[in-house]
Protein backbone atom coordinates (compact mmCIF):
# COMPACT_ATOMS: atom_id res chain seq x y z
CA UNK A 1 115.35 102.61 119.47
CA UNK A 2 111.30 102.84 119.87
CA UNK A 3 112.83 106.38 122.20
CA UNK A 4 114.90 107.73 119.31
CA UNK A 5 111.61 107.36 116.49
CA UNK A 6 109.15 109.20 119.23
CA UNK A 7 111.45 112.19 119.57
CA UNK A 8 112.41 112.84 116.38
CA UNK A 9 108.90 112.63 114.97
CA UNK A 10 108.32 114.87 118.12
CA UNK A 11 110.33 116.88 116.73
CA UNK A 12 108.81 117.47 113.50
CA UNK A 13 104.59 117.37 114.31
CA UNK A 14 102.57 120.04 115.18
CA UNK A 15 100.20 117.66 117.22
CA UNK A 16 102.56 115.67 119.74
CA UNK A 17 99.52 114.28 121.45
CA UNK A 18 98.82 112.70 118.50
CA UNK A 19 102.19 110.84 118.50
CA UNK A 20 102.05 107.24 119.29
CA UNK A 21 104.46 104.45 118.58
CA UNK A 22 104.26 100.93 119.29
CA UNK A 23 106.52 97.84 118.89
CA UNK A 24 106.40 94.64 118.07
CA UNK A 25 109.38 92.42 118.58
CA UNK A 26 110.34 89.86 115.86
CA UNK A 27 113.60 87.16 116.71
CA UNK A 28 115.34 88.90 114.49
CA UNK A 29 113.54 92.11 113.49
CA UNK A 30 111.91 94.69 115.26
CA UNK A 31 108.41 96.61 113.92
CA UNK A 32 108.11 100.15 114.79
CA UNK A 33 104.34 101.65 113.85
CA UNK A 34 104.11 104.90 113.53
CA UNK A 35 100.61 106.70 114.33
CA UNK A 36 100.19 110.78 114.05
CA UNK A 37 97.47 113.15 113.11
CA UNK A 38 96.66 113.27 109.35
CA UNK A 39 97.19 116.83 109.13
CA UNK A 40 101.26 115.89 110.33
CA UNK A 41 101.27 112.83 107.73
CA UNK A 42 102.92 114.87 104.98
CA UNK A 43 105.38 116.48 107.56
CA UNK A 44 106.54 112.52 108.87
CA UNK A 45 106.68 111.18 105.15
CA UNK A 46 108.49 114.61 103.52
CA UNK A 47 108.72 116.18 100.06
CA UNK A 48 108.90 112.45 98.17
CA UNK A 49 109.51 110.41 101.04
CA UNK A 50 112.18 112.13 101.58
CA UNK A 51 111.82 112.13 105.86
CA UNK A 52 110.30 108.81 106.82
CA UNK A 53 113.66 107.89 104.93
CA UNK A 54 115.88 109.31 106.83
CA UNK A 55 114.51 108.13 109.30
CA UNK A 56 115.00 104.68 108.56
CA UNK A 57 118.46 105.55 107.71
CA UNK A 58 119.31 106.44 111.54
CA UNK A 59 116.79 103.29 112.22
CA UNK A 60 118.82 101.11 109.85
CA UNK A 61 122.55 102.33 111.63
CA UNK A 62 121.24 102.08 115.09
CA UNK A 63 120.17 98.99 114.09
CA UNK A 64 123.71 97.26 113.50
CA UNK A 65 125.19 97.44 116.81
CA UNK A 66 121.95 95.88 118.17
CA UNK A 67 122.55 92.87 115.39
CA UNK A 68 118.46 93.27 115.17
CA UNK A 69 117.05 94.70 112.31
CA UNK A 70 114.56 97.67 112.30
CA UNK A 71 111.57 98.57 110.63
CA UNK A 72 109.87 101.45 110.67
CA UNK A 73 106.43 101.62 109.62
CA UNK A 74 104.26 105.53 108.92
CA UNK A 75 99.89 103.60 109.42
CA UNK A 76 97.06 106.10 108.89
């Protein structure tokens, strides 16, 4: 799932080298910590958070398959 989020985010941003994704594993949940360049933060979040919500929806759908909950945190 980490690769999926990384692919989506890299497609959205201008500065692809600044994309950093760290995965923290837990027993029942996985946390993905996403960092992007400050200038690309708005592109990842989207208007009223729609883009971020869409990415989280895709993660939840793929998480059901593996039986794990996946949480996406967008950090500054």
